[in-house]
Amino acid sequence: MRDLVTKFLGDEGGNASAQFVIVFPVVMWFFGTVFETGFIATRMVMFERGLDIATRDLRLGNDPNVDHETLKRAVCENSNILVNCDRDLILEVVELDLNSAYPQNQANCIDRTEEIEPTITFNPGGRNRIMFVRACMVVDPIFPGLGVTLGLQRDNTGGLQMVTYTAFMNEPA
């Protein structure tokens, strides 16, 4: 019996498999975390780009009848990478008072569990007015249980809230 135990413990067959089982999950976790971080950053950059391009027309007064849906559509068209943008995006446009700072309240984001959209303020403002635009979009992570997404705040559906904003002054007439 002692010889069998010694032979079993001395056998080195399967060492490569043991190393693979230990190292492979760590390497895949690292790969998934890097990929997810890069993809979230890419979505955020495209989201900010779309908002900047859309508000340029608003700032110049090219469309005097702009409304929430028109601006939302423009942001989505200029943010090519965002999935379900028309469903998961909310914009707020408010006039800034020169004696105050940016709005301090939380951004209004869509609640995908509810059928009712939150109340938003959309006031494109008049000429020579300083305007503040804040956009919130809920996106789903690719790997919800890996790396960077574990530390980010999520809504009740598991989505991540991306918030961006811009300010501009409407051009004079």
C-alpha atoms as a PDB file:
ATOM      1  CA  MET A   1       0.000   0.000   0.000  1.00  0.00           C
ATOM      2  CA  ARG A   2       2.868   2.326   0.872  1.00  0.00           C
ATOM      3  CA  ASP A   3       4.411   1.796  -2.557  1.00  0.00           C
ATOM      4  CA  LEU A   4       1.141   2.715  -4.292  1.00  0.00           C
ATOM      5  CA  VAL A   5       0.814   5.956  -2.320  1.00  0.00           C
ATOM      6  CA  THR A   6       4.457   6.874  -2.976  1.00  0.00           C
ATOM      7  CA  LYS A   7       4.070   6.094  -6.664  1.00  0.00           C
ATOM      8  CA  PHE A   8       0.836   8.154  -6.843  1.00  0.00           C
ATOM      9  CA  LEU A   9       2.362  11.188  -5.097  1.00  0.00           C
ATOM     10  CA  GLY A  10       5.555  10.970  -7.153  1.00  0.00           C
ATOM     11  CA  ASP A  11       3.753  10.881 -10.498  1.00  0.00           C
ATOM     12  CA  GLU A  12       4.243  14.169 -12.370  1.00  0.00           C
ATOM     13  CA  GLY A  13       1.782  13.484 -15.192  1.00  0.00           C
ATOM     14  CA  GLY A  14      -0.845  16.204 -15.531  1.00  0.00           C
ATOM     15  CA  ASN A  15       1.362  19.093 -14.319  1.00  0.00           C
ATOM     16  CA  ALA A  16       0.614  21.099 -17.450  1.00  0.00           C
ATOM     17  CA  SER A  17      -3.121  20.630 -16.926  1.00  0.00           C
ATOM     18  CA  ALA A  18      -2.902  21.863 -13.349  1.00  0.00           C
ATOM     19  CA  GLN A  19      -1.000  24.973 -14.414  1.00  0.00           C
ATOM     20  CA  PHE A  20      -3.502  25.626 -17.204  1.00  0.00           C
ATOM     21  CA  VAL A  21      -6.462  25.321 -14.812  1.00  0.00           C
ATOM     22  CA  ILE A  22      -4.862  27.854 -12.472  1.00  0.00           C
ATOM     23  CA  VAL A  23      -3.543  30.385 -15.036  1.00  0.00           C
ATOM     24  CA  PHE A  24      -6.242  30.316 -17.756  1.00  0.00           C
ATOM     25  CA  PRO A  25      -9.064  31.892 -15.686  1.00  0.00           C
ATOM     26  CA  VAL A  26      -6.750  34.702 -14.552  1.00  0.00           C
ATOM     27  CA  VAL A  27      -5.694  35.464 -18.131  1.00  0.00           C
ATOM     28  CA  MET A  28      -9.293  35.372 -19.382  1.00  0.00           C
ATOM     29  CA  TRP A  29     -10.446  37.629 -16.516  1.00  0.00           C
ATOM     30  CA  PHE A  30      -7.723  40.123 -17.423  1.00  0.00           C
ATOM     31  CA  PHE A  31      -8.637  39.972 -21.139  1.00  0.00           C
ATOM     32  CA  GLY A  32     -12.345  40.440 -20.403  1.00  0.00           C
ATOM     33  CA  THR A  33     -11.680  43.356 -18.056  1.00  0.00           C
ATOM     34  CA  VAL A  34      -9.472  45.153 -20.573  1.00  0.00           C
ATOM     35  CA  PHE A  35     -11.975  44.562 -23.378  1.00  0.00           C
ATOM     36  CA  GLU A  36     -14.923  45.777 -21.265  1.00  0.00           C
ATOM     37  CA  THR A  37     -13.049  48.879 -20.102  1.00  0.00           C
ATOM     38  CA  GLY A  38     -12.095  49.761 -23.665  1.00  0.00           C
ATOM     39  CA  PHE A  39     -15.619  49.233 -24.921  1.00  0.00           C
ATOM     40  CA  ILE A  40     -17.155  51.385 -22.158  1.00  0.00           C
ATOM     41  CA  ALA A  41     -14.628  54.137 -22.902  1.00  0.00           C
ATOM     42  CA  THR A  42     -15.413  53.933 -26.627  1.00  0.00           C
ATOM     43  CA  ARG A  43     -19.156  54.181 -25.951  1.00  0.00           C
ATOM     44  CA  MET A  44     -18.596  57.196 -23.722  1.00  0.00           C
ATOM     45  CA  VAL A  45     -16.440  58.998 -26.293  1.00  0.00           C
ATOM     46  CA  MET A  46     -18.995  58.364 -29.050  1.00  0.00           C
ATOM     47  CA  PHE A  47     -21.812  59.489 -26.733  1.00  0.00           C
ATOM     48  CA  GLU A  48     -20.013  62.771 -25.975  1.00  0.00           C
ATOM     49  CA  ARG A  49     -19.260  63.269 -29.668  1.00  0.00           C
ATOM     50  CA  GLY A  50     -22.896  62.725 -30.608  1.00  0.00           C
ATOM     51  CA  LEU A  51     -24.073  65.233 -28.010  1.00  0.00           C
ATOM     52  CA  ASP A  52     -21.543  67.851 -29.138  1.00  0.00           C
ATOM     53  CA  ILE A  53     -22.500  67.534 -32.813  1.00  0.00           C
ATOM     54  CA  ALA A  54     -26.228  67.616 -32.044  1.00  0.00           C
ATOM     55  CA  THR A  55     -25.973  70.691 -29.816  1.00  0.00           C
ATOM     56  CA  ARG A  56     -23.964  72.563 -32.442  1.00  0.00           C
ATOM     57  CA  ASP A  57     -27.095  72.882 -34.584  1.00  0.00           C
ATOM     58  CA  LEU A  58     -29.110  73.850 -31.525  1.00  0.00           C
ATOM     59  CA  ARG A  59     -26.567  76.522 -30.578  1.00  0.00           C
ATOM     60  CA  LEU A  60     -26.508  78.016 -34.066  1.00  0.00           C
ATOM     61  CA  GLY A  61     -30.300  78.114 -34.206  1.00  0.00           C
ATOM     62  CA  ASN A  62     -30.442  76.114 -37.450  1.00  0.00           C
ATOM     63  CA  ASP A  63     -33.725  74.522 -36.351  1.00  0.00           C
ATOM     64  CA  PRO A  64     -35.940  76.947 -34.418  1.00  0.00           C
ATOM     65  CA  ASN A  65     -38.538  74.225 -33.709  1.00  0.00           C
ATOM     66  CA  VAL A  66     -36.212  71.736 -32.034  1.00  0.00           C
ATOM     67  CA  ASP A  67     -37.785  69.477 -29.430  1.00  0.00           C
ATOM     68  CA  HIS A  68     -36.632  66.605 -27.222  1.00  0.00           C
ATOM     69  CA  GLU A  69     -37.207  63.896 -29.842  1.00  0.00           C
ATOM     70  CA  THR A  70     -35.428  65.840 -32.609  1.00  0.00           C
ATOM     71  CA  LEU A  71     -32.360  66.454 -30.465  1.00  0.00           C
ATOM     72  CA  LYS A  72     -32.411  62.878 -29.182  1.00  0.00           C
ATOM     73  CA  ARG A  73     -32.516  61.532 -32.751  1.00  0.00           C
ATOM     74  CA  ALA A  74     -29.563  63.778 -33.701  1.00  0.00           C
ATOM     75  CA  VAL A  75     -27.498  62.517 -30.742  1.00  0.00           C
ATOM     76  CA  CYS A  76     -28.268  58.907 -31.647  1.00  0.00           C
ATOM     77  CA  GLU A  77     -27.433  59.402 -35.337  1.00  0.00           C
ATOM     78  CA  ASN A  78     -24.056  60.909 -34.444  1.00  0.00           C
ATOM     79  CA  SER A  79     -23.261  58.211 -31.848  1.00  0.00           C
ATOM     80  CA  ASN A  80     -23.103  55.225 -34.171  1.00  0.00           C
ATOM     81  CA  ILE A  81     -21.959  52.643 -31.627  1.00  0.00           C
ATOM     82  CA  LEU A  82     -24.791  53.034 -29.107  1.00  0.00           C
ATOM     83  CA  VAL A  83     -27.393  50.262 -29.157  1.00  0.00           C
ATOM     84  CA  ASN A  84     -31.052  51.140 -28.378  1.00  0.00           C
ATOM     85  CA  CYS A  85     -30.089  54.795 -28.161  1.00  0.00           C
ATOM     86  CA  ASP A  86     -33.592  56.051 -28.995  1.00  0.00           C
ATOM     87  CA  ARG A  87     -35.048  53.955 -26.158  1.00  0.00           C
ATOM     88  CA  ASP A  88     -32.420  54.446 -23.428  1.00  0.00           C
ATOM     89  CA  LEU A  89     -31.457  58.129 -23.831  1.00  0.00           C
ATOM     90  CA  ILE A  90     -32.876  61.133 -21.985  1.00  0.00           C
ATOM     91  CA  LEU A  91     -31.823  64.745 -22.573  1.00  0.00           C
ATOM     92  CA  GLU A  92     -32.335  67.786 -20.381  1.00  0.00           C
ATOM     93  CA  VAL A  93     -31.909  71.307 -21.717  1.00  0.00           C
ATOM     94  CA  VAL A  94     -32.147  74.153 -19.206  1.00  0.00           C
ATOM     95  CA  GLU A  95     -31.209  77.810 -19.208  1.00  0.00           C
ATOM     96  CA  LEU A  96     -28.393  78.707 -16.832  1.00  0.00           C
ATOM     97  CA  ASP A  97     -28.608  81.693 -14.571  1.00  0.00           C
ATOM     98  CA  LEU A  98     -25.396  83.727 -14.670  1.00  0.00           C
ATOM     99  CA  ASN A  99     -25.387  83.896 -10.862  1.00  0.00           C
ATOM    100  CA  SER A 100     -25.502  80.134 -10.312  1.00  0.00           C
ATOM    101  CA  ALA A 101     -23.526  77.030 -11.113  1.00  0.00           C
ATOM    102  CA  TYR A 102     -24.474  73.993 -13.156  1.00  0.00           C
ATOM    103  CA  PRO A 103     -27.576  72.177 -11.916  1.00  0.00           C
ATOM    104  CA  GLN A 104     -26.643  70.175  -8.826  1.00  0.00           C
ATOM    105  CA  ASN A 105     -29.423  67.594  -9.015  1.00  0.00           C
ATOM    106  CA  GLN A 106     -28.877  64.051 -10.264  1.00  0.00           C
ATOM    107  CA  ALA A 107     -29.240  63.409 -13.966  1.00  0.00           C
ATOM    108  CA  ASN A 108     -32.592  61.994 -15.047  1.00  0.00           C
ATOM    109  CA  CYS A 109     -31.999  58.542 -16.470  1.00  0.00           C
ATOM    110  CA  ILE A 110     -34.459  56.133 -18.007  1.00  0.00           C
ATOM    111  CA  ASP A 111     -35.803  53.395 -15.755  1.00  0.00           C
ATOM    112  CA  ARG A 112     -36.146  50.396 -18.044  1.00  0.00           C
ATOM    113  CA  THR A 113     -38.416  48.602 -15.568  1.00  0.00           C
ATOM    114  CA  GLU A 114     -41.070  51.326 -15.833  1.00  0.00           C
ATOM    115  CA  GLU A 115     -43.305  52.178 -18.775  1.00  0.00           C
ATOM    116  CA  ILE A 116     -43.442  55.856 -17.802  1.00  0.00           C
ATOM    117  CA  GLU A 117     -40.525  58.118 -18.702  1.00  0.00           C
ATOM    118  CA  PRO A 118     -39.324  60.598 -16.053  1.00  0.00           C
ATOM    119  CA  THR A 119     -40.278  64.245 -16.314  1.00  0.00           C
ATOM    120  CA  ILE A 120     -37.573  66.198 -18.078  1.00  0.00           C
ATOM    121  CA  THR A 121     -36.899  69.863 -18.645  1.00  0.00           C
ATOM    122  CA  PHE A 122     -36.435  70.826 -22.269  1.00  0.00           C
ATOM    123  CA  ASN A 123     -36.096  74.537 -22.899  1.00  0.00           C
ATOM    124  CA  PRO A 124     -33.947  75.385 -25.952  1.00  0.00           C
ATOM    125  CA  GLY A 125     -33.827  79.012 -24.757  1.00  0.00           C
ATOM    126  CA  GLY A 126     -33.758  82.288 -26.581  1.00  0.00           C
ATOM    127  CA  ARG A 127     -31.003  84.256 -28.268  1.00  0.00           C
ATOM    128  CA  ASN A 128     -27.980  85.242 -26.139  1.00  0.00           C
ATOM    129  CA  ARG A 129     -28.910  82.741 -23.403  1.00  0.00           C
ATOM    130  CA  ILE A 130     -26.506  80.298 -21.795  1.00  0.00           C
ATOM    131  CA  MET A 131     -27.872  76.780 -22.034  1.00  0.00           C
ATOM    132  CA  PHE A 132     -26.928  73.571 -20.226  1.00  0.00           C
ATOM    133  CA  VAL A 133     -27.555  70.190 -21.845  1.00  0.00           C
ATOM    134  CA  ARG A 134     -27.253  66.984 -19.837  1.00  0.00           C
ATOM    135  CA  ALA A 135     -27.709  63.544 -21.357  1.00  0.00           C
ATOM    136  CA  CYS A 136     -28.073  60.201 -19.621  1.00  0.00           C
ATOM    137  CA  MET A 137     -28.039  56.849 -21.339  1.00  0.00           C
ATOM    138  CA  VAL A 138     -28.306  53.384 -19.840  1.00  0.00           C
ATOM    139  CA  VAL A 139     -26.069  50.751 -21.460  1.00  0.00           C
ATOM    140  CA  ASP A 140     -25.597  47.070 -20.743  1.00  0.00           C
ATOM    141  CA  PRO A 141     -22.117  45.730 -19.987  1.00  0.00           C
ATOM    142  CA  ILE A 142     -20.739  42.983 -22.212  1.00  0.00           C
ATOM    143  CA  PHE A 143     -19.341  40.964 -19.292  1.00  0.00           C
ATOM    144  CA  PRO A 144     -21.527  41.938 -16.314  1.00  0.00           C
ATOM    145  CA  GLY A 145     -19.589  39.908 -13.763  1.00  0.00           C
ATOM    146  CA  LEU A 146     -16.044  40.929 -14.684  1.00  0.00           C
ATOM    147  CA  GLY A 147     -13.578  43.573 -13.638  1.00  0.00           C
ATOM    148  CA  VAL A 148     -14.400  47.235 -13.973  1.00  0.00           C
ATOM    149  CA  THR A 149     -18.175  46.839 -14.239  1.00  0.00           C
ATOM    150  CA  LEU A 150     -18.347  45.317 -10.766  1.00  0.00           C
ATOM    151  CA  GLY A 151     -17.315  48.660  -9.248  1.00  0.00           C
ATOM    152  CA  LEU A 152     -19.667  50.841 -11.286  1.00  0.00           C
ATOM    153  CA  GLN A 153     -23.106  51.893 -10.120  1.00  0.00           C
ATOM    154  CA  ARG A 154     -25.935  50.070 -11.853  1.00  0.00           C
ATOM    155  CA  ASP A 155     -29.667  50.510 -12.121  1.00  0.00           C
ATOM    156  CA  ASN A 156     -32.241  47.827 -11.216  1.00  0.00           C
ATOM    157  CA  THR A 157     -31.876  46.183 -14.649  1.00  0.00           C
ATOM    158  CA  GLY A 158     -28.084  45.843 -14.378  1.00  0.00           C
ATOM    159  CA  GLY A 159     -27.426  48.679 -16.827  1.00  0.00           C
ATOM    160  CA  LEU A 160     -24.685  51.271 -16.433  1.00  0.00           C
ATOM    161  CA  GLN A 161     -25.653  54.949 -16.496  1.00  0.00           C
ATOM    162  CA  MET A 162     -23.482  57.114 -18.742  1.00  0.00           C
ATOM    163  CA  VAL A 163     -23.941  60.836 -18.130  1.00  0.00           C
ATOM    164  CA  THR A 164     -22.426  63.636 -20.171  1.00  0.00           C
ATOM    165  CA  TYR A 165     -23.139  67.317 -20.445  1.00  0.00           C
ATOM    166  CA  THR A 166     -22.288  70.424 -22.398  1.00  0.00           C
ATOM    167  CA  ALA A 167     -23.025  74.114 -22.163  1.00  0.00           C
ATOM    168  CA  PHE A 168     -23.270  76.749 -24.869  1.00  0.00           C
ATOM    169  CA  MET A 169     -24.562  80.208 -25.581  1.00  0.00           C
ATOM    170  CA  ASN A 170     -27.252  80.615 -28.203  1.00  0.00           C
ATOM    171  CA  GLU A 171     -26.059  82.769 -31.075  1.00  0.00           C
ATOM    172  CA  PRO A 172     -27.489  86.271 -31.316  1.00  0.00           C
ATOM    173  CA  ALA A 173     -30.043  87.040 -34.001  1.00  0.00           C
END
